[in-house]
Amino acid sequence: MEQKHPSMTNSLKSVRYEAERQWALRKYDIMARGYQFYKEVSQCFREASTITNYAMIIERLNEISSEEPYSAAGLRTSIEHMWGYINKKATSAERQHMKMLWQQWQEELSRHPASTGWSITELPSSAAALLDYIKTLSDVYQITYLQNSFKASFCALN
């Protein structure tokens, strides 16, 4: 096995750490744009082994975040994943409220389906309400992973 110079190892570690940190913060935002983007970035991590690979992951996260709109299917998947962190802690009233918000979003989608997706400022109001409710409950239940995600993603909601 090839020995790496200590400074190269530290550089690789720091770039890898930054890529992993960015991914942890932005995973649900990326997923909300389309599950295929989430899978793409996950695959890149599985294959990454060099500074260049990890730097390219960071670049790709930036590209997806700035160029790809949110999709109905991606938002649904992302919301379901985030709700999974909260569901067991939520009260019965909070779960009922979430169900009501979900139904409102589904009704809005059936009346006005998005053909090309939305920017964060164009999200249907019912989708924004769902995200805002999850953000609120992540604060109530101190779910740090989600709190950090909302600080770095879905920026117009902050």
N, C-alpha and C. Protein backbone atom coordinates (compact mmCIF):
# COMPACT_ATOMS: atom_id res chain seq x y z
N MET A 1 0.84 -1.18 0.00
CA MET A 1 0.00 0.00 0.00
C MET A 1 0.89 1.25 0.00
N GLU A 2 0.49 2.22 -0.79
CA GLU A 2 1.26 3.45 -0.92
C GLU A 2 1.15 4.28 0.35
N GLN A 3 2.32 4.75 0.84
CA GLN A 3 2.34 5.61 2.01
C GLN A 3 2.05 7.04 1.56
N LYS A 4 1.19 7.72 2.27
CA LYS A 4 0.86 9.11 1.94
C LYS A 4 1.64 10.03 2.85
N HIS A 5 2.06 11.13 2.30
CA HIS A 5 2.74 12.16 3.07
C HIS A 5 1.74 12.68 4.12
N PRO A 6 2.20 12.96 5.36
CA PRO A 6 1.28 13.41 6.42
C PRO A 6 0.42 14.61 6.02
N SER A 7 0.99 15.58 5.29
CA SER A 7 0.19 16.74 4.90
C SER A 7 -0.87 16.36 3.88
N MET A 8 -0.60 15.37 3.03
CA MET A 8 -1.60 14.89 2.07
C MET A 8 -2.74 14.21 2.82
N THR A 9 -2.40 13.43 3.85
CA THR A 9 -3.42 12.75 4.63
C THR A 9 -4.31 13.76 5.32
N ASN A 10 -3.70 14.79 5.91
CA ASN A 10 -4.50 15.82 6.58
C ASN A 10 -5.38 16.56 5.59
N SER A 11 -4.87 16.83 4.40
CA SER A 11 -5.67 17.52 3.40
C SER A 11 -6.84 16.65 2.96
N LEU A 12 -6.57 15.38 2.73
CA LEU A 12 -7.63 14.45 2.36
C LEU A 12 -8.67 14.38 3.48
N LYS A 13 -8.19 14.26 4.71
CA LYS A 13 -9.12 14.19 5.85
C LYS A 13 -9.96 15.45 5.95
N SER A 14 -9.36 16.60 5.75
CA SER A 14 -10.11 17.85 5.90
C SER A 14 -11.13 18.03 4.78
N VAL A 15 -10.76 17.67 3.56
CA VAL A 15 -11.71 17.80 2.45
C VAL A 15 -12.82 16.77 2.60
N ARG A 16 -12.46 15.56 3.00
CA ARG A 16 -13.48 14.53 3.23
C ARG A 16 -14.43 14.96 4.35
N TYR A 17 -13.87 15.48 5.43
CA TYR A 17 -14.70 15.96 6.55
C TYR A 17 -15.67 17.03 6.07
N GLU A 18 -15.16 17.99 5.29
CA GLU A 18 -16.02 19.08 4.81
C GLU A 18 -17.11 18.55 3.89
N ALA A 19 -16.78 17.61 3.02
CA ALA A 19 -17.79 17.01 2.14
C ALA A 19 -18.86 16.29 2.96
N GLU A 20 -18.43 15.52 3.95
CA GLU A 20 -19.38 14.80 4.81
C GLU A 20 -20.23 15.77 5.63
N ARG A 21 -19.63 16.85 6.09
CA ARG A 21 -20.36 17.85 6.87
C ARG A 21 -21.42 18.52 6.00
N GLN A 22 -21.02 18.91 4.79
CA GLN A 22 -21.97 19.54 3.86
C GLN A 22 -23.11 18.58 3.51
N TRP A 23 -22.79 17.32 3.31
CA TRP A 23 -23.79 16.32 2.98
C TRP A 23 -24.78 16.15 4.14
N ALA A 24 -24.27 16.08 5.35
CA ALA A 24 -25.14 15.94 6.52
C ALA A 24 -26.09 17.14 6.65
N LEU A 25 -25.60 18.32 6.37
CA LEU A 25 -26.40 19.53 6.48
C LEU A 25 -27.43 19.67 5.36
N ARG A 26 -27.09 19.16 4.18
CA ARG A 26 -27.91 19.44 3.00
C ARG A 26 -28.62 18.23 2.42
N LYS A 27 -28.47 17.09 3.06
CA LYS A 27 -29.02 15.84 2.54
C LYS A 27 -30.51 15.93 2.22
N TYR A 28 -31.30 16.48 3.13
CA TYR A 28 -32.75 16.52 2.91
C TYR A 28 -33.15 17.57 1.89
N ASP A 29 -32.40 18.64 1.80
CA ASP A 29 -32.64 19.64 0.77
C ASP A 29 -32.36 19.03 -0.60
N ILE A 30 -31.27 18.28 -0.71
CA ILE A 30 -30.93 17.61 -1.98
C ILE A 30 -32.00 16.58 -2.32
N MET A 31 -32.41 15.79 -1.35
CA MET A 31 -33.44 14.78 -1.57
C MET A 31 -34.74 15.43 -2.04
N ALA A 32 -35.06 16.60 -1.50
CA ALA A 32 -36.30 17.30 -1.86
C ALA A 32 -36.29 17.77 -3.32
N ARG A 33 -35.13 17.84 -3.90
CA ARG A 33 -35.02 18.25 -5.30
C ARG A 33 -35.19 17.06 -6.24
N GLY A 34 -34.99 15.87 -5.68
CA GLY A 34 -35.18 14.65 -6.46
C GLY A 34 -34.36 13.53 -5.84
N TYR A 35 -35.01 12.40 -5.62
CA TYR A 35 -34.33 11.28 -4.99
C TYR A 35 -33.12 10.83 -5.81
N GLN A 36 -33.19 11.04 -7.13
CA GLN A 36 -32.06 10.64 -7.98
C GLN A 36 -30.80 11.42 -7.63
N PHE A 37 -30.94 12.67 -7.18
CA PHE A 37 -29.77 13.46 -6.78
C PHE A 37 -29.18 12.93 -5.47
N TYR A 38 -30.06 12.56 -4.57
CA TYR A 38 -29.63 11.94 -3.31
C TYR A 38 -28.83 10.66 -3.59
N LYS A 39 -29.37 9.83 -4.47
CA LYS A 39 -28.69 8.57 -4.82
C LYS A 39 -27.35 8.85 -5.52
N GLU A 40 -27.33 9.83 -6.38
CA GLU A 40 -26.10 10.19 -7.10
C GLU A 40 -25.00 10.59 -6.13
N VAL A 41 -25.32 11.46 -5.19
CA VAL A 41 -24.31 11.92 -4.23
C VAL A 41 -23.89 10.77 -3.31
N SER A 42 -24.83 9.95 -2.89
CA SER A 42 -24.49 8.78 -2.06
C SER A 42 -23.51 7.87 -2.79
N GLN A 43 -23.75 7.66 -4.07
CA GLN A 43 -22.85 6.83 -4.88
C GLN A 43 -21.46 7.48 -4.97
N CYS A 44 -21.42 8.77 -5.15
CA CYS A 44 -20.13 9.48 -5.21
C CYS A 44 -19.34 9.26 -3.92
N PHE A 45 -20.01 9.31 -2.78
CA PHE A 45 -19.33 9.07 -1.50
C PHE A 45 -18.77 7.64 -1.44
N ARG A 46 -19.55 6.67 -1.91
CA ARG A 46 -19.07 5.28 -1.88
C ARG A 46 -17.80 5.10 -2.72
N GLU A 47 -17.69 5.88 -3.79
CA GLU A 47 -16.57 5.73 -4.71
C GLU A 47 -15.41 6.69 -4.40
N ALA A 48 -15.62 7.68 -3.57
CA ALA A 48 -14.61 8.71 -3.32
C ALA A 48 -13.43 8.16 -2.52
N SER A 49 -12.23 8.58 -2.94
CA SER A 49 -11.02 8.19 -2.21
C SER A 49 -9.92 9.24 -2.29
N THR A 50 -10.16 10.29 -3.05
CA THR A 50 -9.13 11.32 -3.23
C THR A 50 -9.67 12.70 -2.87
N ILE A 51 -8.75 13.63 -2.70
CA ILE A 51 -9.13 15.02 -2.45
C ILE A 51 -10.04 15.52 -3.57
N THR A 52 -9.66 15.21 -4.80
CA THR A 52 -10.44 15.64 -5.96
C THR A 52 -11.86 15.08 -5.92
N ASN A 53 -12.00 13.79 -5.56
CA ASN A 53 -13.33 13.18 -5.47
C ASN A 53 -14.20 13.94 -4.47
N TYR A 54 -13.65 14.21 -3.29
CA TYR A 54 -14.44 14.89 -2.25
C TYR A 54 -14.73 16.34 -2.63
N ALA A 55 -13.77 16.99 -3.27
CA ALA A 55 -14.00 18.36 -3.73
C ALA A 55 -15.10 18.39 -4.79
N MET A 56 -15.12 17.38 -5.64
CA MET A 56 -16.17 17.29 -6.67
C MET A 56 -17.55 17.04 -6.03
N ILE A 57 -17.59 16.32 -4.94
CA ILE A 57 -18.87 16.11 -4.24
C ILE A 57 -19.39 17.44 -3.72
N ILE A 58 -18.51 18.23 -3.11
CA ILE A 58 -18.92 19.55 -2.61
C ILE A 58 -19.43 20.41 -3.76
N GLU A 59 -18.72 20.38 -4.86
CA GLU A 59 -19.13 21.14 -6.04
C GLU A 59 -20.49 20.67 -6.55
N ARG A 60 -20.69 19.37 -6.57
CA ARG A 60 -21.97 18.83 -7.05
C ARG A 60 -23.11 19.21 -6.11
N LEU A 61 -22.87 19.19 -4.79
CA LEU A 61 -23.89 19.63 -3.84
C LEU A 61 -24.29 21.08 -4.12
N ASN A 62 -23.29 21.92 -4.39
CA ASN A 62 -23.56 23.33 -4.71
C ASN A 62 -24.36 23.47 -6.00
N GLU A 63 -23.99 22.68 -7.02
CA GLU A 63 -24.71 22.72 -8.30
C GLU A 63 -26.17 22.33 -8.12
N ILE A 64 -26.40 21.22 -7.46
CA ILE A 64 -27.78 20.74 -7.27
C ILE A 64 -28.59 21.78 -6.50
N SER A 65 -28.00 22.32 -5.43
CA SER A 65 -28.71 23.31 -4.61
C SER A 65 -29.05 24.58 -5.36
N SER A 66 -28.19 24.98 -6.27
CA SER A 66 -28.42 26.25 -6.96
C SER A 66 -29.17 26.08 -8.29
N GLU A 67 -29.14 24.90 -8.88
CA GLU A 67 -29.70 24.74 -10.22
C GLU A 67 -30.96 23.89 -10.30
N GLU A 68 -31.15 22.99 -9.38
CA GLU A 68 -32.27 22.05 -9.49
C GLU A 68 -33.46 22.52 -8.66
N PRO A 69 -34.65 22.49 -9.23
CA PRO A 69 -35.85 22.88 -8.47
C PRO A 69 -36.29 21.75 -7.54
N TYR A 70 -37.13 22.09 -6.59
CA TYR A 70 -37.73 21.08 -5.72
C TYR A 70 -38.81 20.37 -6.53
N SER A 71 -38.91 19.07 -6.34
CA SER A 71 -39.95 18.30 -7.03
C SER A 71 -40.97 17.80 -6.01
N ALA A 72 -42.18 17.54 -6.47
CA ALA A 72 -43.22 17.02 -5.58
C ALA A 72 -42.80 15.68 -4.98
N ALA A 73 -42.28 14.79 -5.81
CA ALA A 73 -41.87 13.47 -5.32
C ALA A 73 -40.68 13.59 -4.37
N GLY A 74 -39.72 14.44 -4.71
CA GLY A 74 -38.56 14.63 -3.86
C GLY A 74 -38.94 15.23 -2.51
N LEU A 75 -39.81 16.23 -2.53
CA LEU A 75 -40.28 16.83 -1.28
C LEU A 75 -41.01 15.81 -0.43
N ARG A 76 -41.85 15.01 -1.06
CA ARG A 76 -42.59 13.98 -0.31
C ARG A 76 -41.62 13.04 0.40
N THR A 77 -40.62 12.56 -0.32
CA THR A 77 -39.64 11.65 0.27
C THR A 77 -38.86 12.32 1.39
N SER A 78 -38.43 13.54 1.15
CA SER A 78 -37.65 14.27 2.15
C SER A 78 -38.47 14.54 3.41
N ILE A 79 -39.70 14.96 3.23
CA ILE A 79 -40.58 15.23 4.38
C ILE A 79 -40.82 13.95 5.17
N GLU A 80 -41.06 12.85 4.46
CA GLU A 80 -41.27 11.57 5.15
C GLU A 80 -40.04 11.17 5.97
N HIS A 81 -38.86 11.34 5.40
CA HIS A 81 -37.63 11.00 6.11
C HIS A 81 -37.44 11.88 7.35
N MET A 82 -37.67 13.18 7.20
CA MET A 82 -37.50 14.08 8.35
C MET A 82 -38.56 13.80 9.42
N TRP A 83 -39.78 13.52 8.99
CA TRP A 83 -40.85 13.22 9.94
C TRP A 83 -40.50 11.97 10.75
N GLY A 84 -39.76 11.06 10.16
CA GLY A 84 -39.35 9.85 10.87
C GLY A 84 -38.55 10.14 12.14
N TYR A 85 -37.83 11.24 12.18
CA TYR A 85 -37.08 11.63 13.38
C TYR A 85 -38.01 12.13 14.48
N ILE A 86 -39.17 12.62 14.10
CA ILE A 86 -40.06 13.29 15.03
C ILE A 86 -41.24 12.43 15.45
N ASN A 87 -41.72 11.60 14.57
CA ASN A 87 -42.98 10.88 14.74
C ASN A 87 -43.15 10.22 16.11
N LYS A 88 -42.15 9.51 16.57
CA LYS A 88 -42.29 8.78 17.84
C LYS A 88 -42.27 9.71 19.05
N LYS A 89 -41.71 10.90 18.90
CA LYS A 89 -41.67 11.85 20.00
C LYS A 89 -42.91 12.74 20.02
N ALA A 90 -43.55 12.87 18.87
CA ALA A 90 -44.68 13.79 18.73
C ALA A 90 -45.88 13.31 19.53
N THR A 91 -46.63 14.28 20.02
CA THR A 91 -47.89 13.96 20.70
C THR A 91 -48.92 13.54 19.67
N SER A 92 -49.98 12.99 20.15
CA SER A 92 -51.06 12.58 19.24
C SER A 92 -51.63 13.81 18.52
N ALA A 93 -51.74 14.94 19.20
CA ALA A 93 -52.23 16.18 18.57
C ALA A 93 -51.25 16.65 17.48
N GLU A 94 -49.95 16.54 17.74
CA GLU A 94 -48.95 16.94 16.74
C GLU A 94 -49.00 16.02 15.53
N ARG A 95 -49.19 14.72 15.76
CA ARG A 95 -49.30 13.78 14.64
C ARG A 95 -50.57 14.08 13.82
N GLN A 96 -51.65 14.41 14.50
CA GLN A 96 -52.90 14.76 13.81
C GLN A 96 -52.71 16.02 12.98
N HIS A 97 -52.03 17.00 13.55
CA HIS A 97 -51.78 18.25 12.82
C HIS A 97 -50.92 17.98 11.59
N MET A 98 -49.91 17.14 11.75
CA MET A 98 -49.06 16.77 10.61
C MET A 98 -49.90 16.09 9.52
N LYS A 99 -50.76 15.21 9.93
CA LYS A 99 -51.63 14.50 8.97
C LYS A 99 -52.51 15.50 8.22
N MET A 100 -53.06 16.47 8.93
CA MET A 100 -53.90 17.49 8.31
C MET A 100 -53.09 18.32 7.31
N LEU A 101 -51.88 18.74 7.72
CA LEU A 101 -51.01 19.50 6.80
C LEU A 101 -50.66 18.67 5.56
N TRP A 102 -50.39 17.39 5.76
CA TRP A 102 -50.05 16.49 4.65
C TRP A 102 -51.23 16.41 3.68
N GLN A 103 -52.44 16.25 4.21
CA GLN A 103 -53.63 16.15 3.36
C GLN A 103 -53.86 17.45 2.58
N GLN A 104 -53.62 18.58 3.22
CA GLN A 104 -53.76 19.86 2.53
C GLN A 104 -52.78 19.95 1.37
N TRP A 105 -51.55 19.48 1.60
CA TRP A 105 -50.55 19.52 0.53
C TRP A 105 -50.96 18.61 -0.62
N GLN A 106 -51.43 17.41 -0.30
CA GLN A 106 -51.84 16.47 -1.35
C GLN A 106 -53.00 17.04 -2.16
N GLU A 107 -53.94 17.71 -1.48
CA GLU A 107 -55.06 18.33 -2.18
C GLU A 107 -54.57 19.46 -3.09
N GLU A 108 -53.63 20.25 -2.58
CA GLU A 108 -53.08 21.35 -3.40
C GLU A 108 -52.35 20.79 -4.61
N LEU A 109 -51.61 19.71 -4.43
CA LEU A 109 -50.90 19.09 -5.55
C LEU A 109 -51.88 18.56 -6.60
N SER A 110 -52.98 18.00 -6.15
CA SER A 110 -53.94 17.46 -7.12
C SER A 110 -54.61 18.57 -7.92
N ARG A 111 -54.76 19.74 -7.32
CA ARG A 111 -55.35 20.88 -8.03
C ARG A 111 -54.34 21.60 -8.93
N HIS A 112 -53.07 21.63 -8.48
CA HIS A 112 -52.03 22.39 -9.20
C HIS A 112 -50.74 21.59 -9.25
N PRO A 113 -50.71 20.54 -10.05
CA PRO A 113 -49.47 19.75 -10.11
C PRO A 113 -48.33 20.58 -10.72
N ALA A 114 -47.14 20.35 -10.19
CA ALA A 114 -45.96 21.06 -10.70
C ALA A 114 -45.33 20.25 -11.81
N SER A 115 -45.20 20.82 -12.96
CA SER A 115 -44.60 20.08 -14.06
C SER A 115 -43.08 20.22 -14.05
N THR A 116 -42.58 21.35 -13.57
CA THR A 116 -41.13 21.57 -13.60
C THR A 116 -40.50 21.76 -12.24
N GLY A 117 -41.29 21.74 -11.19
CA GLY A 117 -40.74 21.93 -9.85
C GLY A 117 -40.79 23.39 -9.43
N TRP A 118 -40.24 23.64 -8.23
CA TRP A 118 -40.33 24.97 -7.64
C TRP A 118 -38.99 25.39 -7.05
N SER A 119 -38.79 26.70 -6.99
CA SER A 119 -37.71 27.23 -6.16
C SER A 119 -38.26 27.26 -4.74
N ILE A 120 -37.42 27.52 -3.75
CA ILE A 120 -37.88 27.54 -2.36
C ILE A 120 -38.93 28.63 -2.15
N THR A 121 -38.84 29.73 -2.87
CA THR A 121 -39.82 30.82 -2.69
C THR A 121 -41.11 30.55 -3.45
N GLU A 122 -41.12 29.55 -4.32
CA GLU A 122 -42.32 29.22 -5.09
C GLU A 122 -43.04 27.98 -4.57
N LEU A 123 -42.55 27.39 -3.49
CA LEU A 123 -43.18 26.18 -2.96
C LEU A 123 -44.66 26.43 -2.71
N PRO A 124 -45.49 25.43 -2.97
CA PRO A 124 -46.89 25.59 -2.57
C PRO A 124 -46.94 25.91 -1.07
N SER A 125 -47.87 26.76 -0.70
CA SER A 125 -47.94 27.18 0.71
C SER A 125 -48.12 25.98 1.64
N SER A 126 -48.81 24.96 1.19
CA SER A 126 -49.02 23.79 2.04
C SER A 126 -47.72 23.00 2.24
N ALA A 127 -46.85 22.97 1.23
CA ALA A 127 -45.55 22.29 1.37
C ALA A 127 -44.66 23.10 2.32
N ALA A 128 -44.67 24.41 2.17
CA ALA A 128 -43.89 25.27 3.07
C ALA A 128 -44.39 25.11 4.51
N ALA A 129 -45.71 24.97 4.69
CA ALA A 129 -46.27 24.78 6.03
C ALA A 129 -45.79 23.46 6.64
N LEU A 130 -45.72 22.41 5.84
CA LEU A 130 -45.22 21.12 6.32
C LEU A 130 -43.77 21.24 6.78
N LEU A 131 -42.93 21.86 5.93
CA LEU A 131 -41.52 22.02 6.28
C LEU A 131 -41.37 22.87 7.54
N ASP A 132 -42.15 23.93 7.61
CA ASP A 132 -42.07 24.81 8.77
C ASP A 132 -42.50 24.07 10.04
N TYR A 133 -43.49 23.21 9.94
CA TYR A 133 -43.96 22.45 11.10
C TYR A 133 -42.88 21.46 11.55
N ILE A 134 -42.25 20.80 10.61
CA ILE A 134 -41.16 19.87 10.96
C ILE A 134 -40.02 20.65 11.61
N LYS A 135 -39.72 21.81 11.05
CA LYS A 135 -38.66 22.66 11.64
C LYS A 135 -39.02 23.05 13.07
N THR A 136 -40.25 23.45 13.29
CA THR A 136 -40.71 23.83 14.63
C THR A 136 -40.58 22.66 15.60
N LEU A 137 -41.04 21.49 15.19
CA LEU A 137 -40.98 20.33 16.07
C LEU A 137 -39.54 19.86 16.30
N SER A 138 -38.68 20.06 15.31
CA SER A 138 -37.27 19.70 15.53
C SER A 138 -36.66 20.60 16.61
N ASP A 139 -37.14 21.83 16.71
CA ASP A 139 -36.71 22.73 17.80
C ASP A 139 -37.34 22.30 19.13
N VAL A 140 -38.62 22.00 19.11
CA VAL A 140 -39.32 21.58 20.33
C VAL A 140 -38.65 20.35 20.94
N TYR A 141 -38.33 19.37 20.10
CA TYR A 141 -37.76 18.11 20.59
C TYR A 141 -36.23 18.08 20.53
N GLN A 142 -35.63 19.21 20.20
CA GLN A 142 -34.17 19.34 20.18
C GLN A 142 -33.51 18.24 19.35
N ILE A 143 -33.98 18.08 18.12
CA ILE A 143 -33.41 17.09 17.21
C ILE A 143 -32.33 17.81 16.41
N THR A 144 -31.13 17.77 16.96
CA THR A 144 -30.01 18.56 16.47
C THR A 144 -29.74 18.34 14.99
N TYR A 145 -29.79 17.10 14.55
CA TYR A 145 -29.51 16.79 13.14
C TYR A 145 -30.46 17.56 12.23
N LEU A 146 -31.75 17.56 12.56
CA LEU A 146 -32.71 18.30 11.74
C LEU A 146 -32.55 19.81 11.92
N GLN A 147 -32.29 20.26 13.14
CA GLN A 147 -32.07 21.70 13.37
C GLN A 147 -30.93 22.20 12.50
N ASN A 148 -29.84 21.46 12.48
CA ASN A 148 -28.69 21.85 11.66
C ASN A 148 -29.03 21.81 10.18
N SER A 149 -29.81 20.83 9.78
CA SER A 149 -30.23 20.74 8.38
C SER A 149 -31.05 21.96 7.98
N PHE A 150 -31.97 22.37 8.83
CA PHE A 150 -32.80 23.52 8.50
C PHE A 150 -32.00 24.82 8.51
N LYS A 151 -30.95 24.91 9.31
CA LYS A 151 -30.11 26.11 9.30
C LYS A 151 -29.36 26.24 7.97
N ALA A 152 -29.01 25.10 7.38
CA ALA A 152 -28.21 25.12 6.15
C ALA A 152 -29.04 24.93 4.88
N SER A 153 -30.26 24.47 5.03
CA SER A 153 -31.09 24.13 3.86
C SER A 153 -32.46 24.79 3.97
N PHE A 154 -33.22 24.68 2.90
CA PHE A 154 -34.55 25.27 2.89
C PHE A 154 -34.47 26.71 3.43
N CYS A 155 -33.48 27.47 2.95
CA CYS A 155 -33.08 28.75 3.54
C CYS A 155 -34.20 29.78 3.65
N ALA A 156 -35.13 29.81 2.74
CA ALA A 156 -36.18 30.82 2.79
C ALA A 156 -37.12 30.60 3.96
N LEU A 157 -37.06 29.40 4.57
CA LEU A 157 -37.91 29.12 5.72
C LEU A 157 -37.30 29.64 7.00
N ASN A 158 -36.02 29.95 6.99
CA ASN A 158 -35.32 30.37 8.23
C ASN A 158 -35.57 31.81 8.57
